[in-house]
C-alpha atoms as a PDB file:
ATOM      1  CA  UNK A   1      49.724 118.661  86.705  1.00  0.00           C
ATOM      2  CA  UNK A   2      50.834 119.906  83.321  1.00  0.00           C
ATOM      3  CA  UNK A   3      52.120 117.567  80.611  1.00  0.00           C
ATOM      4  CA  UNK A   4      54.475 118.722  77.872  1.00  0.00           C
ATOM      5  CA  UNK A   5      53.630 117.866  74.287  1.00  0.00           C
ATOM      6  CA  UNK A   6      55.929 117.645  71.305  1.00  0.00           C
ATOM      7  CA  UNK A   7      56.569 120.842  69.309  1.00  0.00           C
ATOM      8  CA  UNK A   8      56.817 119.068  65.946  1.00  0.00           C
ATOM      9  CA  UNK A   9      54.161 119.762  63.311  1.00  0.00           C
ATOM     10  CA  UNK A  10      51.283 117.293  63.531  1.00  0.00           C
ATOM     11  CA  UNK A  11      48.070 116.957  61.580  1.00  0.00           C
ATOM     12  CA  UNK A  12      44.666 117.377  63.189  1.00  0.00           C
ATOM     13  CA  UNK A  13      44.103 113.652  63.660  1.00  0.00           C
ATOM     14  CA  UNK A  14      47.484 113.213  65.345  1.00  0.00           C
ATOM     15  CA  UNK A  15      46.845 116.184  67.633  1.00  0.00           C
ATOM     16  CA  UNK A  16      43.470 114.785  68.665  1.00  0.00           C
ATOM     17  CA  UNK A  17      44.955 111.352  69.354  1.00  0.00           C
ATOM     18  CA  UNK A  18      47.821 112.795  71.419  1.00  0.00           C
ATOM     19  CA  UNK A  19      45.451 115.061  73.355  1.00  0.00           C
ATOM     20  CA  UNK A  20      43.324 112.023  74.126  1.00  0.00           C
ATOM     21  CA  UNK A  21      46.357 110.016  75.211  1.00  0.00           C
ATOM     22  CA  UNK A  22      47.596 112.835  77.436  1.00  0.00           C
ATOM     23  CA  UNK A  23      44.166 113.263  78.988  1.00  0.00           C
ATOM     24  CA  UNK A  24      44.153 109.570  79.803  1.00  0.00           C
ATOM     25  CA  UNK A  25      47.646 109.798  81.282  1.00  0.00           C
ATOM     26  CA  UNK A  26      46.691 112.835  83.360  1.00  0.00           C
ATOM     27  CA  UNK A  27      43.621 111.101  84.737  1.00  0.00           C
ATOM     28  CA  UNK A  28      45.659 108.000  85.562  1.00  0.00           C
ATOM     29  CA  UNK A  29      48.575 109.760  87.296  1.00  0.00           C
ATOM     30  CA  UNK A  30      47.594 108.331  90.676  1.00  0.00           C
ATOM     31  CA  UNK A  31      46.965 104.853  89.288  1.00  0.00           C
ATOM     32  CA  UNK A  32      49.208 102.133  90.683  1.00  0.00           C
ATOM     33  CA  UNK A  33      50.350 101.158  87.174  1.00  0.00           C
ATOM     34  CA  UNK A  34      51.657 104.628  86.338  1.00  0.00           C
ATOM     35  CA  UNK A  35      54.637 105.766  88.397  1.00  0.00           C
ATOM     36  CA  UNK A  36      56.465 109.036  88.942  1.00  0.00           C
ATOM     37  CA  UNK A  37      60.146 108.985  88.050  1.00  0.00           C
ATOM     38  CA  UNK A  38      63.303 111.073  87.682  1.00  0.00           C
ATOM     39  CA  UNK A  39      65.514 110.653  84.619  1.00  0.00           C
ATOM     40  CA  UNK A  40      69.056 110.299  85.974  1.00  0.00           C
ATOM     41  CA  UNK A  41      70.962 108.963  82.950  1.00  0.00           C
ATOM     42  CA  UNK A  42      70.454 109.426  79.219  1.00  0.00           C
ATOM     43  CA  UNK A  43      71.810 106.797  76.832  1.00  0.00           C
ATOM     44  CA  UNK A  44      70.326 108.118  73.602  1.00  0.00           C
ATOM     45  CA  UNK A  45      67.298 105.974  72.828  1.00  0.00           C
ATOM     46  CA  UNK A  46      66.850 104.859  76.428  1.00  0.00           C
ATOM     47  CA  UNK A  47      67.106 106.445  79.864  1.00  0.00           C
ATOM     48  CA  UNK A  48      67.656 105.327  83.439  1.00  0.00           C
ATOM     49  CA  UNK A  49      64.779 106.232  85.753  1.00  0.00           C
ATOM     50  CA  UNK A  50      64.770 106.570  89.539  1.00  0.00           C
ATOM     51  CA  UNK A  51      61.358 105.990  91.061  1.00  0.00           C
ATOM     52  CA  UNK A  52      59.774 108.958  92.850  1.00  0.00           C
ATOM     53  CA  UNK A  53      56.828 109.304  95.163  1.00  0.00           C
ATOM     54  CA  UNK A  54      53.937 111.483  94.004  1.00  0.00           C
ATOM     55  CA  UNK A  55      55.438 114.428  95.932  1.00  0.00           C
ATOM     56  CA  UNK A  56      58.693 113.973  93.912  1.00  0.00           C
ATOM     57  CA  UNK A  57      60.717 112.639  96.838  1.00  0.00           C
ATOM     58  CA  UNK A  58      62.837 109.567  96.093  1.00  0.00           C
ATOM     59  CA  UNK A  59      60.929 106.332  96.688  1.00  0.00           C
ATOM     60  CA  UNK A  60      64.009 104.081  96.616  1.00  0.00           C
ATOM     61  CA  UNK A  61      67.435 103.869  95.005  1.00  0.00           C
ATOM     62  CA  UNK A  62      66.465 101.189  92.474  1.00  0.00           C
ATOM     63  CA  UNK A  63      66.726 102.358  88.863  1.00  0.00           C
ATOM     64  CA  UNK A  64      64.965 101.048  85.758  1.00  0.00           C
ATOM     65  CA  UNK A  65      65.970 101.305  82.114  1.00  0.00           C
ATOM     66  CA  UNK A  66      63.116 102.805  80.063  1.00  0.00           C
ATOM     67  CA  UNK A  67      62.361 103.747  76.486  1.00  0.00           C
ATOM     68  CA  UNK A  68      59.947 106.546  75.628  1.00  0.00           C
ATOM     69  CA  UNK A  69      56.945 106.987  73.406  1.00  0.00           C
ATOM     70  CA  UNK A  70      57.644 108.557  70.008  1.00  0.00           C
ATOM     71  CA  UNK A  71      55.058 111.271  70.612  1.00  0.00           C
ATOM     72  CA  UNK A  72      57.033 112.789  73.482  1.00  0.00           C
ATOM     73  CA  UNK A  73      59.406 115.753  73.171  1.00  0.00           C
ATOM     74  CA  UNK A  74      63.106 115.270  73.873  1.00  0.00           C
ATOM     75  CA  UNK A  75      63.665 113.668  77.277  1.00  0.00           C
ATOM     76  CA  UNK A  76      66.738 114.894  79.191  1.00  0.00           C
ATOM     77  CA  UNK A  77      68.510 114.227  82.460  1.00  0.00           C
ATOM     78  CA  UNK A  78      66.561 115.769  85.341  1.00  0.00           C
ATOM     79  CA  UNK A  79      63.142 115.372  83.754  1.00  0.00           C
ATOM     80  CA  UNK A  80      60.277 114.220  85.966  1.00  0.00           C
ATOM     81  CA  UNK A  81      58.124 111.757  84.095  1.00  0.00           C
ATOM     82  CA  UNK A  82      55.260 109.286  84.362  1.00  0.00           C
ATOM     83  CA  UNK A  83      56.328 105.771  83.467  1.00  0.00           C
ATOM     84  CA  UNK A  84      55.096 102.226  83.409  1.00  0.00           C
ATOM     85  CA  UNK A  85      57.084  99.430  85.041  1.00  0.00           C
ATOM     86  CA  UNK A  86      58.417  96.616  82.826  1.00  0.00           C
ATOM     87  CA  UNK A  87      56.096  93.671  82.198  1.00  0.00           C
ATOM     88  CA  UNK A  88      57.056  90.286  83.593  1.00  0.00           C
ATOM     89  CA  UNK A  89      58.846  89.225  80.398  1.00  0.00           C
ATOM     90  CA  UNK A  90      60.929  92.409  80.024  1.00  0.00           C
ATOM     91  CA  UNK A  91      63.503  94.487  81.901  1.00  0.00           C
ATOM     92  CA  UNK A  92      62.582  97.752  80.175  1.00  0.00           C
ATOM     93  CA  UNK A  93      59.847 100.132  81.253  1.00  0.00           C
ATOM     94  CA  UNK A  94      58.206 102.823  79.159  1.00  0.00           C
ATOM     95  CA  UNK A  95      57.859 106.574  79.703  1.00  0.00           C
ATOM     96  CA  UNK A  96      54.287 107.650  79.026  1.00  0.00           C
ATOM     97  CA  UNK A  97      54.393 111.384  79.776  1.00  0.00           C
ATOM     98  CA  UNK A  98      56.746 114.252  80.536  1.00  0.00           C
ATOM     99  CA  UNK A  99      55.692 116.508  83.404  1.00  0.00           C
ATOM    100  CA  UNK A 100      56.111 120.272  83.341  1.00  0.00           C
ATOM    101  CA  UNK A 101      59.692 121.490  83.700  1.00  0.00           C
ATOM    102  CA  UNK A 102      60.799 124.242  86.052  1.00  0.00           C
ATOM    103  CA  UNK A 103      63.785 124.937  83.804  1.00  0.00           C
ATOM    104  CA  UNK A 104      65.502 123.555  80.695  1.00  0.00           C
ATOM    105  CA  UNK A 105      69.204 124.106  80.043  1.00  0.00           C
ATOM    106  CA  UNK A 106      70.371 124.014  76.435  1.00  0.00           C
ATOM    107  CA  UNK A 107      74.018 123.607  75.496  1.00  0.00           C
ATOM    108  CA  UNK A 108      75.225 126.180  72.926  1.00  0.00           C
ATOM    109  CA  UNK A 109      76.583 124.643  69.699  1.00  0.00           C
ATOM    110  CA  UNK A 110      78.420 126.434  66.871  1.00  0.00           C
ATOM    111  CA  UNK A 111      76.306 126.714  63.711  1.00  0.00           C
ATOM    112  CA  UNK A 112      73.525 124.575  65.224  1.00  0.00           C
ATOM    113  CA  UNK A 113      70.508 125.087  67.435  1.00  0.00           C
ATOM    114  CA  UNK A 114      71.219 124.729  71.166  1.00  0.00           C
ATOM    115  CA  UNK A 115      70.914 121.147  72.434  1.00  0.00           C
ATOM    116  CA  UNK A 116      68.714 120.408  75.492  1.00  0.00           C
ATOM    117  CA  UNK A 117      70.895 118.735  78.135  1.00  0.00           C
ATOM    118  CA  UNK A 118      69.197 118.960  81.547  1.00  0.00           C
ATOM    119  CA  UNK A 119      65.901 119.937  83.138  1.00  0.00           C
ATOM    120  CA  UNK A 120      64.757 121.200  86.533  1.00  0.00           C
ATOM    121  CA  UNK A 121      68.195 122.568  87.378  1.00  0.00           C
ATOM    122  CA  UNK A 122      68.640 125.112  90.190  1.00  0.00           C
ATOM    123  CA  UNK A 123      72.279 126.067  89.588  1.00  0.00           C
ATOM    124  CA  UNK A 124      74.704 125.731  86.698  1.00  0.00           C
ATOM    125  CA  UNK A 125      78.410 125.614  87.545  1.00  0.00           C
ATOM    126  CA  UNK A 126      80.372 126.702  84.478  1.00  0.00           C
ATOM    127  CA  UNK A 127      83.675 124.917  84.962  1.00  0.00           C
ATOM    128  CA  UNK A 128      87.098 126.033  83.759  1.00  0.00           C
ATOM    129  CA  UNK A 129      90.679 125.085  84.592  1.00  0.00           C
ATOM    130  CA  UNK A 130      94.284 126.140  83.915  1.00  0.00           C
ATOM    131  CA  UNK A 131      94.751 122.969  81.857  1.00  0.00           C
ATOM    132  CA  UNK A 132      93.333 122.899  79.277  1.00  0.00           C
ATOM    133  CA  UNK A 133      93.364 126.679  78.968  1.00  0.00           C
ATOM    134  CA  UNK A 134      89.885 128.207  79.171  1.00  0.00           C
ATOM    135  CA  UNK A 135      87.774 129.189  76.190  1.00  0.00           C
ATOM    136  CA  UNK A 136      86.270 132.410  77.519  1.00  0.00           C
ATOM    137  CA  UNK A 137      83.763 132.703  74.680  1.00  0.00           C
ATOM    138  CA  UNK A 138      82.330 129.283  75.636  1.00  0.00           C
ATOM    139  CA  UNK A 139      81.908 130.415  79.231  1.00  0.00           C
ATOM    140  CA  UNK A 140      80.050 133.482  77.989  1.00  0.00           C
ATOM    141  CA  UNK A 141      77.762 131.318  75.840  1.00  0.00           C
ATOM    142  CA  UNK A 142      76.910 129.171  78.853  1.00  0.00           C
ATOM    143  CA  UNK A 143      76.154 132.313  80.873  1.00  0.00           C
ATOM    144  CA  UNK A 144      73.751 133.432  78.163  1.00  0.00           C
ATOM    145  CA  UNK A 145      72.155 129.962  78.094  1.00  0.00           C
ATOM    146  CA  UNK A 146      71.696 130.078  81.870  1.00  0.00           C
ATOM    147  CA  UNK A 147      70.121 133.538  81.702  1.00  0.00           C
ATOM    148  CA  UNK A 148      67.771 132.403  78.928  1.00  0.00           C
ATOM    149  CA  UNK A 149      66.728 129.389  81.014  1.00  0.00           C
ATOM    150  CA  UNK A 150      66.374 131.467  84.199  1.00  0.00           C
ATOM    151  CA  UNK A 151      68.920 129.274  86.011  1.00  0.00           C
ATOM    152  CA  UNK A 152      71.359 130.636  88.586  1.00  0.00           C
ATOM    153  CA  UNK A 153      74.878 130.621  87.111  1.00  0.00           C
ATOM    154  CA  UNK A 154      78.179 130.284  88.965  1.00  0.00           C
ATOM    155  CA  UNK A 155      81.793 130.010  87.840  1.00  0.00           C
ATOM    156  CA  UNK A 156      83.847 127.070  89.117  1.00  0.00           C
ATOM    157  CA  UNK A 157      87.631 127.041  88.782  1.00  0.00           C
ATOM    158  CA  UNK A 158      88.826 123.443  89.030  1.00  0.00           C
ATOM    159  CA  UNK A 159      92.480 122.371  89.335  1.00  0.00           C
ATOM    160  CA  UNK A 160      93.286 125.514  91.291  1.00  0.00           C
ATOM    161  CA  UNK A 161      96.471 123.729  92.398  1.00  0.00           C
ATOM    162  CA  UNK A 162      97.765 124.176  88.802  1.00  0.00           C
ATOM    163  CA  UNK A 163      97.419 127.955  88.869  1.00  0.00           C
ATOM    164  CA  UNK A 164     100.799 129.586  88.316  1.00  0.00           C
ATOM    165  CA  UNK A 165     102.312 126.849  86.161  1.00  0.00           C
ATOM    166  CA  UNK A 166     101.563 128.868  83.037  1.00  0.00           C
ATOM    167  CA  UNK A 167     101.638 132.551  83.920  1.00  0.00           C
ATOM    168  CA  UNK A 168      99.857 133.733  80.771  1.00  0.00           C
ATOM    169  CA  UNK A 169      96.958 131.333  81.373  1.00  0.00           C
ATOM    170  CA  UNK A 170      96.901 132.197  85.071  1.00  0.00           C
ATOM    171  CA  UNK A 171      96.673 135.913  84.272  1.00  0.00           C
ATOM    172  CA  UNK A 172      93.872 135.262  81.757  1.00  0.00           C
ATOM    173  CA  UNK A 173      91.904 133.252  84.314  1.00  0.00           C
ATOM    174  CA  UNK A 174      92.372 135.801  87.104  1.00  0.00           C
ATOM    175  CA  UNK A 175      91.250 138.598  84.792  1.00  0.00           C
ATOM    176  CA  UNK A 176      88.173 136.634  83.718  1.00  0.00           C
ATOM    177  CA  UNK A 177      87.238 135.685  87.297  1.00  0.00           C
ATOM    178  CA  UNK A 178      87.578 139.305  88.404  1.00  0.00           C
ATOM    179  CA  UNK A 179      85.228 140.374  85.612  1.00  0.00           C
ATOM    180  CA  UNK A 180      82.637 137.684  86.392  1.00  0.00           C
ATOM    181  CA  UNK A 181      82.780 138.606  90.078  1.00  0.00           C
ATOM    182  CA  UNK A 182      82.211 142.263  89.184  1.00  0.00           C
ATOM    183  CA  UNK A 183      79.211 141.221  87.078  1.00  0.00           C
ATOM    184  CA  UNK A 184      77.721 139.483  90.108  1.00  0.00           C
ATOM    185  CA  UNK A 185      78.416 135.829  89.330  1.00  0.00           C
ATOM    186  CA  UNK A 186      79.585 133.766  92.331  1.00  0.00           C
ATOM    187  CA  UNK A 187      83.051 132.266  91.788  1.00  0.00           C
ATOM    188  CA  UNK A 188      84.168 129.019  93.439  1.00  0.00           C
ATOM    189  CA  UNK A 189      87.539 127.266  93.444  1.00  0.00           C
ATOM    190  CA  UNK A 190      88.156 123.549  93.753  1.00  0.00           C
ATOM    191  CA  UNK A 191      90.837 120.905  93.229  1.00  0.00           C
ATOM    192  CA  UNK A 192      89.529 117.476  92.285  1.00  0.00           C
ATOM    193  CA  UNK A 193      92.858 115.729  92.760  1.00  0.00           C
ATOM    194  CA  UNK A 194      92.195 112.661  94.878  1.00  0.00           C
ATOM    195  CA  UNK A 195      89.029 110.864  95.908  1.00  0.00           C
ATOM    196  CA  UNK A 196      90.594 110.106  99.294  1.00  0.00           C
ATOM    197  CA  UNK A 197      90.733 113.806 100.132  1.00  0.00           C
ATOM    198  CA  UNK A 198      87.088 114.656  99.645  1.00  0.00           C
ATOM    199  CA  UNK A 199      84.816 115.916 102.405  1.00  0.00           C
ATOM    200  CA  UNK A 200      82.305 113.464 103.827  1.00  0.00           C
ATOM    201  CA  UNK A 201      79.459 114.595 101.615  1.00  0.00           C
ATOM    202  CA  UNK A 202      77.939 111.077 101.557  1.00  0.00           C
ATOM    203  CA  UNK A 203      77.912 110.925 105.354  1.00  0.00           C
ATOM    204  CA  UNK A 204      79.440 107.424 105.491  1.00  0.00           C
ATOM    205  CA  UNK A 205      82.854 108.025 107.112  1.00  0.00           C
ATOM    206  CA  UNK A 206      83.685 107.049 110.687  1.00  0.00           C
ATOM    207  CA  UNK A 207      85.118 109.673 113.048  1.00  0.00           C
ATOM    208  CA  UNK A 208      88.554 108.068 112.725  1.00  0.00           C
ATOM    209  CA  UNK A 209      88.384 108.180 108.928  1.00  0.00           C
ATOM    210  CA  UNK A 210      87.311 111.827 109.055  1.00  0.00           C
ATOM    211  CA  UNK A 211      90.320 112.672 111.241  1.00  0.00           C
ATOM    212  CA  UNK A 212      92.690 110.904 108.852  1.00  0.00           C
ATOM    213  CA  UNK A 213      91.171 112.654 105.837  1.00  0.00           C
ATOM    214  CA  UNK A 214      91.391 116.024 107.594  1.00  0.00           C
ATOM    215  CA  UNK A 215      95.088 115.470 108.285  1.00  0.00           C
ATOM    216  CA  UNK A 216      95.765 114.434 104.678  1.00  0.00           C
ATOM    217  CA  UNK A 217      93.913 117.430 103.277  1.00  0.00           C
ATOM    218  CA  UNK A 218      95.559 119.815 105.724  1.00  0.00           C
ATOM    219  CA  UNK A 219      98.972 118.596 104.601  1.00  0.00           C
ATOM    220  CA  UNK A 220      98.150 118.852 100.891  1.00  0.00           C
ATOM    221  CA  UNK A 221      96.107 122.068 100.759  1.00  0.00           C
ATOM    222  CA  UNK A 222      96.311 125.444 102.442  1.00  0.00           C
ATOM    223  CA  UNK A 223      93.586 126.663 104.795  1.00  0.00           C
ATOM    224  CA  UNK A 224      92.373 129.024 102.076  1.00  0.00           C
ATOM    225  CA  UNK A 225      92.074 126.167  99.565  1.00  0.00           C
ATOM    226  CA  UNK A 226      90.209 123.997 102.079  1.00  0.00           C
ATOM    227  CA  UNK A 227      87.834 126.882 102.807  1.00  0.00           C
ATOM    228  CA  UNK A 228      87.168 127.261  99.073  1.00  0.00           C
ATOM    229  CA  UNK A 229      86.415 123.533  98.823  1.00  0.00           C
ATOM    230  CA  UNK A 230      83.881 123.799 101.633  1.00  0.00           C
ATOM    231  CA  UNK A 231      82.277 126.871 100.033  1.00  0.00           C
ATOM    232  CA  UNK A 232      81.675 124.864  96.870  1.00  0.00           C
ATOM    233  CA  UNK A 233      80.231 121.886  98.761  1.00  0.00           C
ATOM    234  CA  UNK A 234      77.959 124.205 100.761  1.00  0.00           C
ATOM    235  CA  UNK A 235      76.720 125.739  97.499  1.00  0.00           C
ATOM    236  CA  UNK A 236      75.546 122.300  96.335  1.00  0.00           C
ATOM    237  CA  UNK A 237      73.419 121.575  99.402  1.00  0.00           C
ATOM    238  CA  UNK A 238      69.649 121.226  98.933  1.00  0.00           C
ATOM    239  CA  UNK A 239      69.869 121.960  95.210  1.00  0.00           C
ATOM    240  CA  UNK A 240      69.969 120.258  91.841  1.00  0.00           C
ATOM    241  CA  UNK A 241      73.093 121.445  90.048  1.00  0.00           C
ATOM    242  CA  UNK A 242      74.922 120.725  86.819  1.00  0.00           C
ATOM    243  CA  UNK A 243      78.583 120.990  85.846  1.00  0.00           C
ATOM    244  CA  UNK A 244      79.204 122.234  82.309  1.00  0.00           C
ATOM    245  CA  UNK A 245      82.308 123.318  80.446  1.00  0.00           C
ATOM    246  CA  UNK A 246      84.817 122.288  77.838  1.00  0.00           C
ATOM    247  CA  UNK A 247      86.242 118.771  77.762  1.00  0.00           C
ATOM    248  CA  UNK A 248      89.154 118.081  80.086  1.00  0.00           C
ATOM    249  CA  UNK A 249      88.385 120.639  82.802  1.00  0.00           C
ATOM    250  CA  UNK A 250      87.675 117.832  85.270  1.00  0.00           C
ATOM    251  CA  UNK A 251      83.896 117.557  85.528  1.00  0.00           C
ATOM    252  CA  UNK A 252      84.055 113.771  85.968  1.00  0.00           C
ATOM    253  CA  UNK A 253      86.873 114.120  88.501  1.00  0.00           C
ATOM    254  CA  UNK A 254      84.780 116.573  90.512  1.00  0.00           C
ATOM    255  CA  UNK A 255      81.910 114.087  90.534  1.00  0.00           C
ATOM    256  CA  UNK A 256      84.287 111.366  91.712  1.00  0.00           C
ATOM    257  CA  UNK A 257      85.533 113.418  94.657  1.00  0.00           C
ATOM    258  CA  UNK A 258      81.970 114.227  95.667  1.00  0.00           C
ATOM    259  CA  UNK A 259      80.597 110.740  95.149  1.00  0.00           C
ATOM    260  CA  UNK A 260      83.010 107.992  96.164  1.00  0.00           C
ATOM    261  CA  UNK A 261      81.166 105.132  94.460  1.00  0.00           C
ATOM    262  CA  UNK A 262      79.690 104.915  90.936  1.00  0.00           C
ATOM    263  CA  UNK A 263      82.830 106.596  89.658  1.00  0.00           C
ATOM    264  CA  UNK A 264      82.652 108.458  86.369  1.00  0.00           C
ATOM    265  CA  UNK A 265      85.323 107.772  83.762  1.00  0.00           C
ATOM    266  CA  UNK A 266      88.264 110.186  83.805  1.00  0.00           C
ATOM    267  CA  UNK A 267      90.085 111.346  80.678  1.00  0.00           C
ATOM    268  CA  UNK A 268      93.638 112.606  80.336  1.00  0.00           C
ATOM    269  CA  UNK A 269      94.811 115.756  78.615  1.00  0.00           C
ATOM    270  CA  UNK A 270      96.057 115.046  75.108  1.00  0.00           C
ATOM    271  CA  UNK A 271      99.707 116.106  75.004  1.00  0.00           C
ATOM    272  CA  UNK A 272      99.534 116.863  71.292  1.00  0.00           C
ATOM    273  CA  UNK A 273      97.008 119.667  71.531  1.00  0.00           C
ATOM    274  CA  UNK A 274      96.545 120.235  75.287  1.00  0.00           C
ATOM    275  CA  UNK A 275      92.822 119.614  74.960  1.00  0.00           C
ATOM    276  CA  UNK A 276      90.788 117.295  77.105  1.00  0.00           C
ATOM    277  CA  UNK A 277      89.622 113.904  75.962  1.00  0.00           C
ATOM    278  CA  UNK A 278      85.848 113.868  76.209  1.00  0.00           C
ATOM    279  CA  UNK A 279      84.796 110.989  78.484  1.00  0.00           C
ATOM    280  CA  UNK A 280      81.209 111.792  79.488  1.00  0.00           C
ATOM    281  CA  UNK A 281      79.231 110.151  76.693  1.00  0.00           C
ATOM    282  CA  UNK A 282      75.949 110.314  78.628  1.00  0.00           C
ATOM    283  CA  UNK A 283      74.270 112.948  80.762  1.00  0.00           C
ATOM    284  CA  UNK A 284      74.120 111.578  84.290  1.00  0.00           C
ATOM    285  CA  UNK A 285      72.777 112.743  87.635  1.00  0.00           C
ATOM    286  CA  UNK A 286      74.124 111.698  91.030  1.00  0.00           C
ATOM    287  CA  UNK A 287      72.459 111.902  94.421  1.00  0.00           C
ATOM    288  CA  UNK A 288      74.719 113.357  97.132  1.00  0.00           C
ATOM    289  CA  UNK A 289      72.871 112.041 100.149  1.00  0.00           C
ATOM    290  CA  UNK A 290      74.814 113.789 102.894  1.00  0.00           C
ATOM    291  CA  UNK A 291      74.088 117.198 101.379  1.00  0.00           C
ATOM    292  CA  UNK A 292      70.549 116.372 100.188  1.00  0.00           C
ATOM    293  CA  UNK A 293      71.779 117.410  96.767  1.00  0.00           C
ATOM    294  CA  UNK A 294      71.791 116.217  93.181  1.00  0.00           C
ATOM    295  CA  UNK A 295      74.522 117.004  90.694  1.00  0.00           C
ATOM    296  CA  UNK A 296      74.720 116.254  86.985  1.00  0.00           C
ATOM    297  CA  UNK A 297      77.254 116.588  84.203  1.00  0.00           C
ATOM    298  CA  UNK A 298      76.307 117.869  80.796  1.00  0.00           C
END
């Protein structure tokens, strides 16, 4: 087990103390007081942790709010950590160590260093839509970030039902998707328009409910659109994925159609500038039980 240390400059005494602390943590990893956990929500100074077994499978669905030791590097959604449960007089646990990451995605920022947003991600879905119109340069920056992090990158067109309303935007999107396809990036299409029309990815619907949903979706979408929806859902199975993209493209709406409960907040498009209102103030990961998948927004 490898533990990640902070990259900030430390003096010799601090390095020795941290090395000693990390050695103690490493030796105690199997101790009953030190638990494995998955960071599923980041609130800034605190995170929400889902308890894991030692083999990194989910122990239960109970989450615990935790703060982290100052000596640790930046903790992000998707990190696997060692943490200590809250004492009897507190509701907050503490993260003691960050375990080695398989990948780290950093969000590109103009005139600033990239910001770490998610760890241990298998696939990044770079999301665009006809409204607001896509920023192609941002998509390219995310593709570069994915390549740098050695994460599989895909393109996801949301709100495909709006294609054709603005011909110039539609032509721009079709041209971009053709180019990304030629470059070898998988392209998926989706329409997160109504939570009642989602596939049974949580595995909780009755047969009667499934039939009703199938009839509703068949009436609203073409066979080709329904096939594209299923392609996207199949691509999520057995993976940890993240949706990224400019504000307003519908990342929260996609989450809501995939996960019926724990709904993420949805923002409208600002009529004054046709840009999305940013509603995802925290990075958050959701478990999609029916597909044995995890999906995050960042």
